[in-house]
Amino acid sequence: MGTQYDSITLKNNAFRKMPGWLLNYAPDRVGLTNMYRNIATNLKDGGRFFGLKPYPTEDPRGQLELMQEYKPQSYEYVSLKYVGDVEDGVSFLACAERPAKFEFKAYWLKESVYKEAARQGGLTGECKWDHPTLPEDDSEILGEAGDMDGDRAKLERVGRFALVRIDKD
């Protein structure tokens, strides 16, 4: 079937909205551009793509280090571990201890690379990142671990993932 980035056309322009693509599996600009090209091929003109990706930043390694430095108790069994630098970003292992132990390798590329690759892949409309916001009631994210001791701003800055929305003109 070729490389893992070959385009798979389900039905040209089949979807008005396309959700749920995990862009953190692209190891580089070429792989990411090919993912976006696949999305553009299967998205109707005027359609909208939604995807999950690592938190948008021009300094993925710095953001990953910040995440290692500070995480709420509710993240006790989940971690992202630095593996190494790649062109335009870093590779990392996402690890979980519960409910069952598992890990997978993924990539965190610079925010500008995600935007450029989308354009090169054929998604030329508006591109917007939705940053997660924290609820007013800390217990919703920390459970019985307690409150954040006034550290809400830092926790919001230590973003993990974001939702990207890109339109196809």
N, C-alpha and C. Protein backbone atom coordinates (compact mmCIF):
# COMPACT_ATOMS: atom_id res chain seq x y z
N MET A 1 0.82 -1.19 0.00
CA MET A 1 0.00 0.00 0.00
C MET A 1 0.87 1.25 0.00
N GLY A 2 2.15 1.14 0.08
CA GLY A 2 3.00 2.32 0.05
C GLY A 2 3.33 2.80 1.45
N THR A 3 3.72 4.06 1.54
CA THR A 3 4.08 4.62 2.83
C THR A 3 2.84 4.90 3.67
N GLN A 4 3.05 5.08 4.94
CA GLN A 4 1.94 5.35 5.84
C GLN A 4 1.26 6.69 5.58
N TYR A 5 1.83 7.50 4.70
CA TYR A 5 1.26 8.82 4.44
C TYR A 5 0.58 8.92 3.08
N ASP A 6 0.43 7.79 2.38
CA ASP A 6 -0.27 7.82 1.11
C ASP A 6 -1.70 8.28 1.32
N SER A 7 -2.21 9.01 0.35
CA SER A 7 -3.58 9.50 0.44
C SER A 7 -4.56 8.36 0.23
N ILE A 8 -5.58 8.32 1.06
CA ILE A 8 -6.64 7.34 0.93
C ILE A 8 -7.91 8.11 0.61
N THR A 9 -8.41 7.98 -0.60
CA THR A 9 -9.60 8.72 -0.99
C THR A 9 -10.81 7.84 -0.77
N LEU A 10 -11.68 8.26 0.12
CA LEU A 10 -12.89 7.51 0.40
C LEU A 10 -13.93 7.80 -0.68
N LYS A 11 -14.12 9.03 -0.97
CA LYS A 11 -15.00 9.52 -2.02
C LYS A 11 -14.66 11.00 -2.11
N ASN A 12 -14.14 11.43 -3.23
CA ASN A 12 -13.72 12.83 -3.33
C ASN A 12 -14.77 13.78 -2.79
N ASN A 13 -14.32 14.71 -1.99
CA ASN A 13 -15.19 15.73 -1.41
C ASN A 13 -16.39 15.13 -0.69
N ALA A 14 -16.15 14.08 0.06
CA ALA A 14 -17.23 13.34 0.71
C ALA A 14 -17.78 14.03 1.96
N PHE A 15 -16.97 14.79 2.66
CA PHE A 15 -17.37 15.28 3.97
C PHE A 15 -17.49 16.80 4.04
N ARG A 16 -18.52 17.26 4.73
CA ARG A 16 -18.68 18.69 5.00
C ARG A 16 -17.89 19.06 6.26
N LYS A 17 -17.87 18.14 7.23
CA LYS A 17 -17.08 18.30 8.44
C LYS A 17 -16.32 17.00 8.67
N MET A 18 -15.07 17.13 9.09
CA MET A 18 -14.24 15.96 9.29
C MET A 18 -13.57 16.07 10.66
N PRO A 19 -14.01 15.29 11.64
CA PRO A 19 -13.42 15.37 12.99
C PRO A 19 -12.42 14.25 13.28
N GLY A 20 -11.66 14.46 14.35
CA GLY A 20 -10.93 13.39 15.00
C GLY A 20 -9.61 12.95 14.44
N TRP A 21 -8.89 13.78 13.76
CA TRP A 21 -7.60 13.39 13.22
C TRP A 21 -6.52 13.74 14.24
N LEU A 22 -5.64 12.80 14.52
CA LEU A 22 -4.57 13.02 15.51
C LEU A 22 -3.29 13.41 14.78
N LEU A 23 -3.06 14.70 14.69
CA LEU A 23 -1.95 15.23 13.91
C LEU A 23 -0.59 15.01 14.56
N ASN A 24 -0.56 14.57 15.80
CA ASN A 24 0.72 14.38 16.49
C ASN A 24 1.45 13.11 16.05
N TYR A 25 0.91 12.37 15.09
CA TYR A 25 1.61 11.19 14.58
C TYR A 25 2.49 11.52 13.38
N ALA A 26 2.42 12.72 12.87
CA ALA A 26 3.28 13.13 11.76
C ALA A 26 4.65 13.50 12.32
N PRO A 27 5.72 12.82 11.88
CA PRO A 27 7.05 13.08 12.43
C PRO A 27 7.75 14.30 11.86
N ASP A 28 7.20 14.85 10.76
CA ASP A 28 7.88 15.97 10.12
C ASP A 28 6.91 16.74 9.23
N ARG A 29 7.42 17.79 8.62
CA ARG A 29 6.62 18.67 7.76
C ARG A 29 6.02 17.91 6.58
N VAL A 30 6.79 17.02 5.97
CA VAL A 30 6.31 16.25 4.81
C VAL A 30 5.16 15.35 5.21
N GLY A 31 5.32 14.62 6.31
CA GLY A 31 4.25 13.74 6.78
C GLY A 31 3.00 14.51 7.14
N LEU A 32 3.17 15.66 7.77
CA LEU A 32 2.04 16.49 8.16
C LEU A 32 1.34 17.06 6.93
N THR A 33 2.10 17.52 5.95
CA THR A 33 1.51 18.03 4.71
C THR A 33 0.70 16.94 4.03
N ASN A 34 1.21 15.71 4.01
CA ASN A 34 0.48 14.60 3.40
C ASN A 34 -0.79 14.27 4.17
N MET A 35 -0.76 14.38 5.49
CA MET A 35 -1.99 14.17 6.27
C MET A 35 -3.03 15.22 5.87
N TYR A 36 -2.62 16.48 5.83
CA TYR A 36 -3.54 17.54 5.45
C TYR A 36 -4.05 17.36 4.01
N ARG A 37 -3.18 16.90 3.12
CA ARG A 37 -3.60 16.67 1.73
C ARG A 37 -4.69 15.60 1.68
N ASN A 38 -4.53 14.56 2.48
CA ASN A 38 -5.53 13.50 2.56
C ASN A 38 -6.86 14.07 3.07
N ILE A 39 -6.77 14.91 4.07
CA ILE A 39 -7.97 15.55 4.62
C ILE A 39 -8.63 16.43 3.56
N ALA A 40 -7.84 17.27 2.88
CA ALA A 40 -8.38 18.18 1.86
C ALA A 40 -9.03 17.40 0.72
N THR A 41 -8.46 16.27 0.36
CA THR A 41 -9.02 15.45 -0.71
C THR A 41 -10.41 14.94 -0.37
N ASN A 42 -10.64 14.65 0.90
CA ASN A 42 -11.90 14.05 1.32
C ASN A 42 -12.88 15.05 1.95
N LEU A 43 -12.53 16.33 1.91
CA LEU A 43 -13.37 17.36 2.50
C LEU A 43 -13.99 18.20 1.39
N LYS A 44 -15.29 18.44 1.47
CA LYS A 44 -15.97 19.27 0.48
C LYS A 44 -15.45 20.70 0.54
N ASP A 45 -15.53 21.41 -0.58
CA ASP A 45 -15.22 22.84 -0.59
C ASP A 45 -16.15 23.52 0.39
N GLY A 46 -15.61 24.41 1.21
CA GLY A 46 -16.40 25.08 2.24
C GLY A 46 -16.53 24.25 3.51
N GLY A 47 -15.92 23.06 3.51
CA GLY A 47 -16.00 22.18 4.67
C GLY A 47 -15.03 22.59 5.77
N ARG A 48 -15.15 21.95 6.91
CA ARG A 48 -14.32 22.29 8.06
C ARG A 48 -13.71 21.02 8.65
N PHE A 49 -12.42 21.09 8.92
CA PHE A 49 -11.69 20.01 9.56
C PHE A 49 -11.46 20.35 11.03
N PHE A 50 -11.63 19.36 11.90
CA PHE A 50 -11.33 19.49 13.32
C PHE A 50 -10.29 18.44 13.66
N GLY A 51 -9.26 18.81 14.37
CA GLY A 51 -8.25 17.83 14.75
C GLY A 51 -7.65 18.11 16.11
N LEU A 52 -7.11 17.09 16.70
CA LEU A 52 -6.43 17.20 17.98
C LEU A 52 -4.94 17.26 17.72
N LYS A 53 -4.26 18.15 18.39
CA LYS A 53 -2.81 18.28 18.22
C LYS A 53 -2.19 18.79 19.51
N PRO A 54 -0.89 18.60 19.65
CA PRO A 54 -0.24 19.17 20.83
C PRO A 54 -0.44 20.68 20.89
N TYR A 55 -0.36 21.20 22.08
CA TYR A 55 -0.56 22.63 22.35
C TYR A 55 0.27 23.48 21.39
N PRO A 56 -0.32 24.49 20.75
CA PRO A 56 0.41 25.30 19.78
C PRO A 56 1.49 26.18 20.42
N THR A 57 2.70 26.00 19.95
CA THR A 57 3.84 26.77 20.45
C THR A 57 4.96 26.72 19.42
N GLU A 58 5.81 27.71 19.43
CA GLU A 58 7.01 27.68 18.59
C GLU A 58 8.17 27.01 19.33
N ASP A 59 7.96 26.62 20.57
CA ASP A 59 8.99 25.98 21.38
C ASP A 59 8.45 24.68 22.01
N PRO A 60 8.25 23.63 21.20
CA PRO A 60 7.70 22.39 21.73
C PRO A 60 8.52 21.80 22.87
N ARG A 61 9.83 21.84 22.76
CA ARG A 61 10.66 21.27 23.83
C ARG A 61 10.49 22.04 25.14
N GLY A 62 10.46 23.37 25.04
CA GLY A 62 10.26 24.19 26.23
C GLY A 62 8.90 23.93 26.86
N GLN A 63 7.87 23.77 26.04
CA GLN A 63 6.53 23.50 26.56
C GLN A 63 6.48 22.12 27.22
N LEU A 64 7.15 21.15 26.62
CA LEU A 64 7.21 19.81 27.21
C LEU A 64 7.93 19.84 28.55
N GLU A 65 9.02 20.60 28.63
CA GLU A 65 9.74 20.74 29.90
C GLU A 65 8.87 21.41 30.96
N LEU A 66 8.11 22.42 30.55
CA LEU A 66 7.20 23.10 31.47
C LEU A 66 6.15 22.12 31.99
N MET A 67 5.66 21.26 31.12
CA MET A 67 4.68 20.26 31.53
C MET A 67 5.27 19.27 32.53
N GLN A 68 6.55 18.92 32.35
CA GLN A 68 7.21 18.01 33.28
C GLN A 68 7.36 18.66 34.66
N GLU A 69 7.59 19.96 34.65
CA GLU A 69 7.81 20.71 35.89
C GLU A 69 6.53 20.86 36.70
N TYR A 70 5.41 21.02 35.99
CA TYR A 70 4.17 21.28 36.71
C TYR A 70 3.02 20.51 36.10
N LYS A 71 2.42 19.68 36.90
CA LYS A 71 1.19 19.01 36.48
C LYS A 71 0.35 18.76 37.72
N PRO A 72 -0.98 18.88 37.58
CA PRO A 72 -1.84 18.68 38.74
C PRO A 72 -1.84 17.22 39.18
N GLN A 73 -2.27 16.99 40.39
CA GLN A 73 -2.29 15.64 40.93
C GLN A 73 -3.16 14.71 40.09
N SER A 74 -4.16 15.25 39.42
CA SER A 74 -5.04 14.42 38.60
C SER A 74 -4.28 13.79 37.42
N TYR A 75 -3.09 14.30 37.08
CA TYR A 75 -2.28 13.74 36.01
C TYR A 75 -1.22 12.77 36.56
N GLU A 76 -1.39 12.32 37.76
CA GLU A 76 -0.40 11.49 38.43
C GLU A 76 0.01 10.27 37.61
N TYR A 77 -0.90 9.67 36.89
CA TYR A 77 -0.61 8.43 36.17
C TYR A 77 -0.43 8.63 34.67
N VAL A 78 -0.37 9.87 34.22
CA VAL A 78 -0.20 10.18 32.81
C VAL A 78 1.00 11.10 32.66
N SER A 79 1.86 10.81 31.68
CA SER A 79 3.02 11.68 31.47
C SER A 79 3.43 11.69 30.01
N LEU A 80 4.11 12.75 29.64
CA LEU A 80 4.74 12.87 28.33
C LEU A 80 6.23 12.94 28.57
N LYS A 81 6.97 12.01 27.96
CA LYS A 81 8.42 11.94 28.18
C LYS A 81 9.17 12.30 26.91
N TYR A 82 10.10 13.22 27.05
CA TYR A 82 10.94 13.66 25.94
C TYR A 82 11.76 12.48 25.41
N VAL A 83 11.75 12.29 24.07
CA VAL A 83 12.56 11.25 23.44
C VAL A 83 13.74 11.86 22.73
N GLY A 84 13.50 12.91 21.93
CA GLY A 84 14.59 13.55 21.20
C GLY A 84 14.09 14.66 20.30
N ASP A 85 15.04 15.43 19.79
CA ASP A 85 14.70 16.50 18.86
C ASP A 85 14.50 15.91 17.47
N VAL A 86 13.56 16.48 16.73
CA VAL A 86 13.35 16.18 15.32
C VAL A 86 13.33 17.52 14.61
N GLU A 87 13.44 17.50 13.30
CA GLU A 87 13.37 18.76 12.56
C GLU A 87 12.03 19.43 12.86
N ASP A 88 12.05 20.65 13.28
CA ASP A 88 10.85 21.45 13.57
C ASP A 88 10.10 21.03 14.82
N GLY A 89 10.73 20.27 15.74
CA GLY A 89 10.03 19.91 16.96
C GLY A 89 10.72 18.85 17.77
N VAL A 90 9.91 18.05 18.48
CA VAL A 90 10.44 16.98 19.33
C VAL A 90 9.58 15.72 19.18
N SER A 91 10.18 14.59 19.54
CA SER A 91 9.41 13.36 19.67
C SER A 91 9.26 13.09 21.16
N PHE A 92 8.15 12.43 21.52
CA PHE A 92 7.88 12.15 22.92
C PHE A 92 7.11 10.84 23.06
N LEU A 93 7.15 10.28 24.24
CA LEU A 93 6.32 9.13 24.57
C LEU A 93 5.18 9.61 25.45
N ALA A 94 3.98 9.26 25.08
CA ALA A 94 2.82 9.50 25.94
C ALA A 94 2.61 8.21 26.71
N CYS A 95 2.65 8.31 28.03
CA CYS A 95 2.59 7.12 28.89
C CYS A 95 1.44 7.23 29.88
N ALA A 96 0.80 6.12 30.13
CA ALA A 96 -0.25 6.05 31.15
C ALA A 96 -0.03 4.81 31.99
N GLU A 97 -0.27 4.94 33.27
CA GLU A 97 -0.11 3.83 34.19
C GLU A 97 -1.44 3.16 34.53
N ARG A 98 -2.53 3.91 34.42
CA ARG A 98 -3.84 3.37 34.76
C ARG A 98 -4.85 3.80 33.71
N PRO A 99 -5.88 3.08 33.43
CA PRO A 99 -6.28 1.83 34.06
C PRO A 99 -5.38 0.65 33.66
N ALA A 100 -4.75 0.74 32.48
CA ALA A 100 -3.77 -0.27 32.08
C ALA A 100 -2.54 0.47 31.57
N LYS A 101 -1.38 -0.09 31.75
CA LYS A 101 -0.15 0.57 31.33
C LYS A 101 -0.04 0.52 29.80
N PHE A 102 0.21 1.69 29.20
CA PHE A 102 0.47 1.75 27.76
C PHE A 102 1.28 2.99 27.45
N GLU A 103 1.90 3.00 26.28
CA GLU A 103 2.62 4.17 25.81
C GLU A 103 2.64 4.16 24.30
N PHE A 104 2.78 5.35 23.73
CA PHE A 104 2.91 5.47 22.28
C PHE A 104 3.81 6.65 21.98
N LYS A 105 4.50 6.55 20.85
CA LYS A 105 5.40 7.62 20.43
C LYS A 105 4.63 8.59 19.54
N ALA A 106 4.88 9.87 19.74
CA ALA A 106 4.23 10.90 18.95
C ALA A 106 5.21 12.06 18.75
N TYR A 107 4.75 13.08 18.04
CA TYR A 107 5.61 14.21 17.70
C TYR A 107 4.90 15.52 18.00
N TRP A 108 5.70 16.50 18.36
CA TRP A 108 5.19 17.83 18.68
C TRP A 108 5.98 18.81 17.82
N LEU A 109 5.36 19.31 16.77
CA LEU A 109 6.02 20.22 15.86
C LEU A 109 5.64 21.67 16.18
N LYS A 110 6.42 22.59 15.66
CA LYS A 110 6.16 24.01 15.89
C LYS A 110 4.80 24.41 15.31
N GLU A 111 4.15 25.35 15.96
CA GLU A 111 2.84 25.83 15.52
C GLU A 111 2.88 26.30 14.06
N SER A 112 3.93 27.03 13.68
CA SER A 112 4.04 27.53 12.31
C SER A 112 4.09 26.40 11.29
N VAL A 113 4.67 25.27 11.66
CA VAL A 113 4.74 24.11 10.75
C VAL A 113 3.35 23.54 10.50
N TYR A 114 2.52 23.48 11.55
CA TYR A 114 1.14 22.99 11.37
C TYR A 114 0.38 23.89 10.40
N LYS A 115 0.55 25.19 10.53
CA LYS A 115 -0.17 26.12 9.65
C LYS A 115 0.35 26.04 8.21
N GLU A 116 1.67 26.03 8.04
CA GLU A 116 2.25 25.96 6.69
C GLU A 116 1.89 24.65 6.00
N ALA A 117 1.93 23.55 6.73
CA ALA A 117 1.60 22.25 6.16
C ALA A 117 0.13 22.19 5.74
N ALA A 118 -0.75 22.82 6.52
CA ALA A 118 -2.17 22.85 6.16
C ALA A 118 -2.36 23.55 4.81
N ARG A 119 -1.68 24.68 4.64
CA ARG A 119 -1.79 25.43 3.39
C ARG A 119 -1.22 24.61 2.22
N GLN A 120 -0.06 24.02 2.43
CA GLN A 120 0.57 23.22 1.38
C GLN A 120 -0.25 21.97 1.06
N GLY A 121 -1.01 21.49 2.03
CA GLY A 121 -1.84 20.31 1.82
C GLY A 121 -3.20 20.60 1.22
N GLY A 122 -3.53 21.87 1.03
CA GLY A 122 -4.78 22.21 0.36
C GLY A 122 -5.87 22.79 1.24
N LEU A 123 -5.59 23.00 2.52
CA LEU A 123 -6.57 23.64 3.41
C LEU A 123 -6.20 25.11 3.51
N THR A 124 -6.89 25.93 2.75
CA THR A 124 -6.49 27.33 2.59
C THR A 124 -7.38 28.32 3.32
N GLY A 125 -8.41 27.85 4.02
CA GLY A 125 -9.31 28.74 4.73
C GLY A 125 -8.78 29.13 6.10
N GLU A 126 -9.68 29.64 6.92
CA GLU A 126 -9.31 30.08 8.27
C GLU A 126 -8.74 28.92 9.07
N CYS A 127 -7.69 29.21 9.83
CA CYS A 127 -7.03 28.22 10.69
C CYS A 127 -7.05 28.78 12.11
N LYS A 128 -7.66 28.04 13.03
CA LYS A 128 -7.80 28.55 14.39
C LYS A 128 -7.54 27.44 15.40
N TRP A 129 -6.83 27.79 16.48
CA TRP A 129 -6.58 26.86 17.59
C TRP A 129 -7.52 27.21 18.73
N ASP A 130 -8.19 26.23 19.26
CA ASP A 130 -9.02 26.43 20.46
C ASP A 130 -8.25 25.90 21.65
N HIS A 131 -7.92 26.81 22.56
CA HIS A 131 -7.18 26.43 23.76
C HIS A 131 -8.14 25.98 24.84
N PRO A 132 -7.80 24.95 25.55
CA PRO A 132 -8.68 24.51 26.64
C PRO A 132 -8.74 25.56 27.74
N THR A 133 -9.89 25.67 28.35
CA THR A 133 -10.04 26.56 29.50
C THR A 133 -10.43 25.73 30.71
N LEU A 134 -10.10 26.22 31.86
CA LEU A 134 -10.37 25.49 33.10
C LEU A 134 -11.71 25.92 33.69
N PRO A 135 -12.42 24.97 34.25
CA PRO A 135 -13.67 25.32 34.91
C PRO A 135 -13.40 26.12 36.18
N GLU A 136 -14.38 26.89 36.60
CA GLU A 136 -14.23 27.67 37.83
C GLU A 136 -14.08 26.78 39.05
N ASP A 137 -14.73 25.63 39.04
CA ASP A 137 -14.67 24.70 40.15
C ASP A 137 -13.50 23.74 39.93
N ASP A 138 -12.41 23.91 40.68
CA ASP A 138 -11.21 23.08 40.52
C ASP A 138 -11.48 21.60 40.65
N SER A 139 -12.49 21.21 41.40
CA SER A 139 -12.74 19.80 41.64
C SER A 139 -13.09 19.06 40.35
N GLU A 140 -13.57 19.80 39.34
CA GLU A 140 -13.88 19.15 38.07
C GLU A 140 -12.65 18.59 37.39
N ILE A 141 -11.48 19.18 37.62
CA ILE A 141 -10.27 18.65 37.00
C ILE A 141 -9.34 17.98 37.99
N LEU A 142 -9.47 18.31 39.26
CA LEU A 142 -8.57 17.74 40.25
C LEU A 142 -9.24 16.68 41.11
N GLY A 143 -10.52 16.49 40.97
CA GLY A 143 -11.21 15.51 41.78
C GLY A 143 -11.05 15.83 43.24
N GLU A 144 -10.68 14.84 44.02
CA GLU A 144 -10.54 15.04 45.45
C GLU A 144 -9.13 15.48 45.83
N ALA A 145 -8.31 15.80 44.83
CA ALA A 145 -6.93 16.19 45.10
C ALA A 145 -6.83 17.56 45.76
N GLY A 146 -7.89 18.34 45.70
CA GLY A 146 -7.85 19.66 46.32
C GLY A 146 -7.88 20.76 45.29
N ASP A 147 -7.52 21.97 45.72
CA ASP A 147 -7.55 23.08 44.77
C ASP A 147 -6.15 23.34 44.22
N MET A 148 -6.04 24.32 43.36
CA MET A 148 -4.77 24.60 42.71
C MET A 148 -3.96 25.65 43.44
N ASP A 149 -4.36 26.01 44.62
CA ASP A 149 -3.62 26.97 45.43
C ASP A 149 -3.27 28.24 44.65
N GLY A 150 -4.22 28.77 43.91
CA GLY A 150 -4.01 30.03 43.20
C GLY A 150 -3.12 29.91 41.98
N ASP A 151 -2.85 28.71 41.51
CA ASP A 151 -1.94 28.51 40.39
C ASP A 151 -2.67 28.29 39.07
N ARG A 152 -3.87 28.81 38.97
CA ARG A 152 -4.71 28.62 37.78
C ARG A 152 -4.02 29.13 36.51
N ALA A 153 -3.42 30.30 36.55
CA ALA A 153 -2.78 30.87 35.35
C ALA A 153 -1.66 29.97 34.85
N LYS A 154 -0.87 29.44 35.77
CA LYS A 154 0.23 28.57 35.36
C LYS A 154 -0.31 27.27 34.77
N LEU A 155 -1.34 26.71 35.37
CA LEU A 155 -1.90 25.47 34.86
C LEU A 155 -2.48 25.68 33.46
N GLU A 156 -3.12 26.82 33.22
CA GLU A 156 -3.65 27.09 31.88
C GLU A 156 -2.53 27.28 30.87
N ARG A 157 -1.40 27.82 31.30
CA ARG A 157 -0.25 28.02 30.40
C ARG A 157 0.41 26.69 30.06
N VAL A 158 0.27 25.72 30.93
CA VAL A 158 0.87 24.41 30.72
C VAL A 158 -0.13 23.56 29.92
N GLY A 159 -0.49 24.05 28.75
CA GLY A 159 -1.44 23.34 27.91
C GLY A 159 -0.84 22.05 27.38
N ARG A 160 -1.68 21.07 27.20
CA ARG A 160 -1.23 19.80 26.68
C ARG A 160 -1.64 19.61 25.23
N PHE A 161 -2.91 19.79 24.96
CA PHE A 161 -3.43 19.61 23.61
C PHE A 161 -4.39 20.74 23.28
N ALA A 162 -4.65 20.90 22.00
CA ALA A 162 -5.60 21.91 21.55
C ALA A 162 -6.38 21.35 20.37
N LEU A 163 -7.52 21.92 20.13
CA LEU A 163 -8.33 21.56 18.99
C LEU A 163 -8.05 22.55 17.89
N VAL A 164 -7.74 22.05 16.71
CA VAL A 164 -7.49 22.93 15.56
C VAL A 164 -8.71 22.85 14.64
N ARG A 165 -9.10 24.01 14.12
CA ARG A 165 -10.20 24.08 13.15
C ARG A 165 -9.65 24.76 11.90
N ILE A 166 -9.78 24.09 10.76
CA ILE A 166 -9.29 24.66 9.51
C ILE A 166 -10.38 24.49 8.46
N ASP A 167 -10.68 25.56 7.76
CA ASP A 167 -11.69 25.53 6.70
C ASP A 167 -11.03 25.26 5.36
N LYS A 168 -11.79 24.60 4.48
CA LYS A 168 -11.34 24.41 3.11
C LYS A 168 -12.15 25.36 2.23
N ASP A 169 -11.47 26.31 1.59
CA ASP A 169 -12.16 27.27 0.72
C ASP A 169 -12.68 26.58 -0.54
